[in-house]
Amino acid sequence: MSIVKSGFLHRQSTILRRWKRNWFDLWLDGRLVFYDDQQDMEDEIHMRVDCINIRSATACHDLKPPEGRSRDDLIQIVCRDGRVISVCGDNADDALAWTMALQDARISSVVDSPQVVASAPPHSEYASPPPVYVPGAYGGYAPVPPEYGTQIIYSADGQTYVVAYPYQYQGSYPMRDPEEINQVIVHERQRDDGGDVALSMLAGAVTGLALASLFSVF
């Protein structure tokens, strides 16, 4: 991670309100670190996380600049926890450059993205059992559906895995359950040709007797 801006600024102490010279480093990820004269780190804030406002010049109310500096050189960093870090540049141009750099870090800090390493998902090998056949609902034999089906999983590198499906197999639609199916058996009506022949013969005999009786009268 690189440094965006660095240099000396006067910073007002929080207790005695005295101005002292500190070295500041503004990093690309938004961290603002300042050191004392011996290059020991005194404090660190994250502009995008901790800072809620940046005041400059005349907006820094009730802040008196150090001797030999003007109000145009002042900068105040207002933090979320209530702290106010008051600094002063060497001149108005230096203060403006720091204000713009701090505002940019507060809005658009760059964060290192973690490296993602693709790996195969956790899986369990699943081999299909040999088929088992049972008597079917309409005669013959039908295969028994497995208790759990299978599904194909694709890993990040394109490798495929056959894994057990986590839900019980419900069967095809409609579900075939021999114990709960309502079977409807339709019998086709068959024509009784023997009865028709007998009726025809009987009718013919009756007609013959009637004609014979009629002729005997004449």
Protein backbone atom coordinates (compact mmCIF):
# COMPACT_ATOMS: atom_id res chain seq x y z
CA MET A 1 0.00 0.00 0.00
CA SER A 2 1.46 3.35 -1.06
CA ILE A 3 1.44 6.79 0.56
CA VAL A 4 -0.74 9.46 -1.06
CA LYS A 5 0.65 12.48 0.80
CA SER A 6 3.12 13.08 3.62
CA GLY A 7 4.75 16.02 5.32
CA PHE A 8 5.02 18.16 8.46
CA LEU A 9 1.99 19.85 9.99
CA HIS A 10 1.44 21.65 13.26
CA ARG A 11 -1.04 19.78 15.46
CA GLN A 12 -2.78 21.11 18.56
CA SER A 13 -2.55 18.83 21.62
CA THR A 14 -5.83 17.65 23.12
CA ILE A 15 -5.06 18.52 26.76
CA LEU A 16 -2.83 21.60 26.92
CA ARG A 17 -3.93 22.94 23.53
CA ARG A 18 -0.35 23.59 22.51
CA TRP A 19 0.86 23.48 18.92
CA LYS A 20 3.62 21.02 18.09
CA ARG A 21 5.14 19.86 14.84
CA ASN A 22 4.23 16.31 13.70
CA TRP A 23 4.95 14.23 10.64
CA PHE A 24 1.81 12.97 8.84
CA ASP A 25 1.41 10.05 6.41
CA LEU A 26 -1.82 9.66 4.43
CA TRP A 27 -2.04 6.15 2.99
CA LEU A 28 -3.97 4.99 -0.07
CA ASP A 29 -6.36 2.90 2.05
CA GLY A 30 -7.46 6.04 3.98
CA ARG A 31 -5.29 5.71 7.09
CA LEU A 32 -3.87 8.95 8.49
CA VAL A 33 -0.89 8.30 10.75
CA PHE A 34 1.07 10.99 12.59
CA TYR A 35 4.35 10.77 14.49
CA ASP A 36 6.21 12.83 17.06
CA ASP A 37 9.65 14.36 16.64
CA GLN A 38 11.33 11.00 17.32
CA GLN A 39 9.29 9.33 14.55
CA ASP A 40 7.24 7.36 17.09
CA MET A 41 3.61 6.92 16.08
CA GLU A 42 1.28 8.99 18.24
CA ASP A 43 -2.09 8.15 16.71
CA GLU A 44 -3.86 6.77 13.66
CA ILE A 45 -7.34 7.30 12.23
CA HIS A 46 -9.12 5.95 9.19
CA MET A 47 -10.58 8.77 7.17
CA ARG A 48 -13.40 6.74 5.62
CA VAL A 49 -14.40 5.05 8.88
CA ASP A 50 -13.63 7.60 11.61
CA CYS A 51 -14.00 10.99 9.88
CA ILE A 52 -17.43 12.58 9.50
CA ASN A 53 -16.41 16.12 8.50
CA ILE A 54 -13.43 18.25 7.50
CA ARG A 55 -13.39 21.95 8.27
CA SER A 56 -10.87 24.43 6.90
CA ALA A 57 -9.95 28.12 7.12
CA THR A 58 -12.71 30.29 8.60
CA ALA A 59 -14.93 27.25 9.25
CA CYS A 60 -12.60 26.34 12.15
CA HIS A 61 -14.46 28.31 14.81
CA ASP A 62 -12.76 29.25 18.09
CA LEU A 63 -9.43 27.90 16.86
CA LYS A 64 -6.46 30.21 17.11
CA PRO A 65 -3.63 29.43 14.67
CA PRO A 66 -0.03 29.14 15.90
CA GLU A 67 2.19 32.19 15.91
CA GLY A 68 3.09 33.35 12.43
CA ARG A 69 0.22 31.45 10.75
CA SER A 70 -3.15 32.68 9.45
CA ARG A 71 -6.64 31.20 9.72
CA ASP A 72 -6.42 30.14 6.07
CA ASP A 73 -3.82 27.57 7.13
CA LEU A 74 -6.13 25.75 9.58
CA ILE A 75 -7.72 22.30 9.14
CA GLN A 76 -9.97 20.41 11.55
CA ILE A 77 -10.78 16.68 11.23
CA VAL A 78 -14.04 15.87 13.05
CA CYS A 79 -14.19 12.20 14.12
CA ARG A 80 -17.18 9.99 14.76
CA ASP A 81 -16.23 9.44 18.41
CA GLY A 82 -16.25 13.19 19.13
CA ARG A 83 -12.54 13.89 18.73
CA VAL A 84 -11.44 16.93 16.74
CA ILE A 85 -7.91 16.86 15.33
CA SER A 86 -6.74 20.41 14.64
CA VAL A 87 -3.75 20.92 12.35
CA CYS A 88 -2.15 23.84 10.59
CA GLY A 89 -0.21 23.90 7.32
CA ASP A 90 2.85 25.96 6.49
CA ASN A 91 0.76 28.22 4.26
CA ALA A 92 -2.65 28.47 2.60
CA ASP A 93 -1.60 26.40 -0.43
CA ASP A 94 -0.24 23.63 1.79
CA ALA A 95 -3.46 23.61 3.84
CA LEU A 96 -5.58 23.46 0.66
CA ALA A 97 -3.56 20.53 -0.71
CA TRP A 98 -3.97 18.61 2.55
CA THR A 99 -7.70 19.41 2.69
CA MET A 100 -8.26 18.05 -0.81
CA ALA A 101 -6.22 14.91 -0.11
CA LEU A 102 -8.10 14.25 3.14
CA GLN A 103 -11.49 14.79 1.49
CA ASP A 104 -10.57 12.39 -1.30
CA ALA A 105 -9.39 9.75 1.20
CA ARG A 106 -12.65 10.14 3.14
CA ILE A 107 -14.75 9.46 0.06
CA SER A 108 -12.74 7.09 -2.13
CA SER A 109 -10.28 5.07 -0.08
CA VAL A 110 -8.81 2.02 -1.79
CA VAL A 111 -9.01 -1.24 0.15
CA ASP A 112 -6.98 -4.29 -0.74
CA SER A 113 -9.32 -7.03 -1.93
CA PRO A 114 -8.55 -10.49 -0.51
CA GLN A 115 -7.34 -13.07 -2.97
CA VAL A 116 -9.97 -15.69 -3.66
CA VAL A 117 -8.65 -19.17 -4.30
CA ALA A 118 -11.08 -21.43 -6.10
CA SER A 119 -11.48 -24.82 -4.51
CA ALA A 120 -13.78 -27.75 -5.05
CA PRO A 121 -16.93 -27.66 -2.89
CA PRO A 122 -17.32 -30.25 -0.15
CA HIS A 123 -19.07 -33.30 -1.51
CA SER A 124 -19.61 -36.97 -0.89
CA GLU A 125 -19.14 -39.54 -3.61
CA TYR A 126 -22.38 -41.30 -4.49
CA ALA A 127 -22.72 -44.42 -6.56
CA SER A 128 -26.11 -45.45 -7.88
CA PRO A 129 -27.28 -48.80 -6.40
CA PRO A 130 -28.20 -51.71 -8.72
CA PRO A 131 -31.83 -51.54 -9.91
CA VAL A 132 -34.45 -53.47 -7.94
CA TYR A 133 -37.68 -54.62 -9.61
CA VAL A 134 -41.07 -55.20 -7.96
CA PRO A 135 -44.43 -56.33 -9.37
CA GLY A 136 -46.05 -53.45 -11.22
CA ALA A 137 -49.54 -52.08 -10.72
CA TYR A 138 -50.69 -53.30 -14.15
CA GLY A 139 -48.79 -56.54 -14.30
CA GLY A 140 -45.17 -57.24 -15.06
CA TYR A 141 -42.32 -55.69 -13.10
CA ALA A 142 -41.25 -52.08 -12.60
CA PRO A 143 -38.00 -50.66 -11.16
CA VAL A 144 -38.14 -49.27 -7.63
CA PRO A 145 -37.15 -45.54 -7.57
CA PRO A 146 -34.12 -44.77 -5.35
CA GLU A 147 -34.77 -43.32 -1.91
CA TYR A 148 -32.51 -40.35 -2.78
CA GLY A 149 -31.77 -39.08 -6.26
CA THR A 150 -28.56 -37.57 -7.55
CA GLN A 151 -27.52 -34.14 -8.77
CA ILE A 152 -24.54 -32.72 -10.65
CA ILE A 153 -22.34 -30.08 -8.91
CA TYR A 154 -19.90 -27.94 -10.93
CA SER A 155 -16.84 -26.63 -9.08
CA ALA A 156 -15.06 -23.34 -9.80
CA ASP A 157 -12.50 -25.07 -12.03
CA GLY A 158 -15.22 -26.74 -14.14
CA GLN A 159 -14.94 -30.21 -12.59
CA THR A 160 -18.22 -32.06 -12.08
CA TYR A 161 -19.25 -34.08 -9.03
CA VAL A 162 -22.16 -36.49 -8.60
CA VAL A 163 -23.59 -36.00 -5.13
CA ALA A 164 -26.59 -37.31 -3.23
CA TYR A 165 -29.69 -35.12 -3.49
CA PRO A 166 -30.61 -33.97 0.05
CA TYR A 167 -34.35 -34.59 -0.35
CA GLN A 168 -36.17 -37.86 -0.63
CA TYR A 169 -37.13 -38.93 -4.12
CA GLN A 170 -40.80 -38.18 -4.76
CA GLY A 171 -41.17 -40.20 -7.95
CA SER A 172 -42.28 -39.10 -11.37
CA TYR A 173 -45.47 -37.20 -11.97
CA PRO A 174 -48.09 -38.58 -11.45
CA MET A 175 -46.75 -40.66 -8.57
CA ARG A 176 -47.31 -44.36 -9.07
CA ASP A 177 -48.23 -46.00 -5.82
CA PRO A 178 -49.95 -49.41 -6.30
CA GLU A 179 -51.56 -49.22 -2.86
CA GLU A 180 -53.25 -45.84 -3.45
CA ILE A 181 -54.11 -45.86 -7.19
CA ASN A 182 -57.81 -46.09 -8.02
CA GLN A 183 -58.01 -48.66 -10.80
CA VAL A 184 -60.93 -48.39 -13.21
CA ILE A 185 -61.60 -51.55 -15.25
CA VAL A 186 -63.87 -51.14 -18.28
CA HIS A 187 -65.49 -54.32 -19.69
CA GLU A 188 -66.63 -54.02 -23.30
CA ARG A 189 -70.17 -55.28 -23.83
CA GLN A 190 -70.09 -58.44 -25.94
CA ARG A 191 -72.81 -59.32 -28.41
CA ASP A 192 -74.58 -62.64 -27.74
CA ASP A 193 -75.03 -64.03 -31.28
CA GLY A 194 -76.47 -67.39 -30.02
CA GLY A 195 -79.48 -65.76 -28.41
CA ASP A 196 -80.28 -63.76 -31.52
CA VAL A 197 -80.29 -66.90 -33.66
CA ALA A 198 -82.67 -68.70 -31.29
CA LEU A 199 -85.07 -65.78 -31.30
CA SER A 200 -85.02 -65.73 -35.12
CA MET A 201 -85.79 -69.44 -35.31
CA LEU A 202 -88.66 -69.10 -32.83
CA ALA A 203 -90.16 -66.21 -34.78
CA GLY A 204 -89.91 -68.20 -38.00
CA ALA A 205 -91.68 -71.20 -36.45
CA VAL A 206 -94.53 -69.06 -35.16
CA THR A 207 -94.93 -67.44 -38.57
CA GLY A 208 -94.99 -70.86 -40.27
CA LEU A 209 -97.72 -72.22 -37.97
CA ALA A 210 -99.83 -69.15 -38.56
CA LEU A 211 -99.58 -69.51 -42.32
CA ALA A 212 -100.33 -73.23 -42.17
CA SER A 213 -103.49 -72.65 -40.16
CA LEU A 214 -104.59 -70.00 -42.60
CA PHE A 215 -104.17 -72.23 -45.64
CA SER A 216 -106.02 -75.13 -43.99
CA VAL A 217 -109.13 -72.95 -43.71
CA PHE A 218 -109.24 -72.42 -47.46
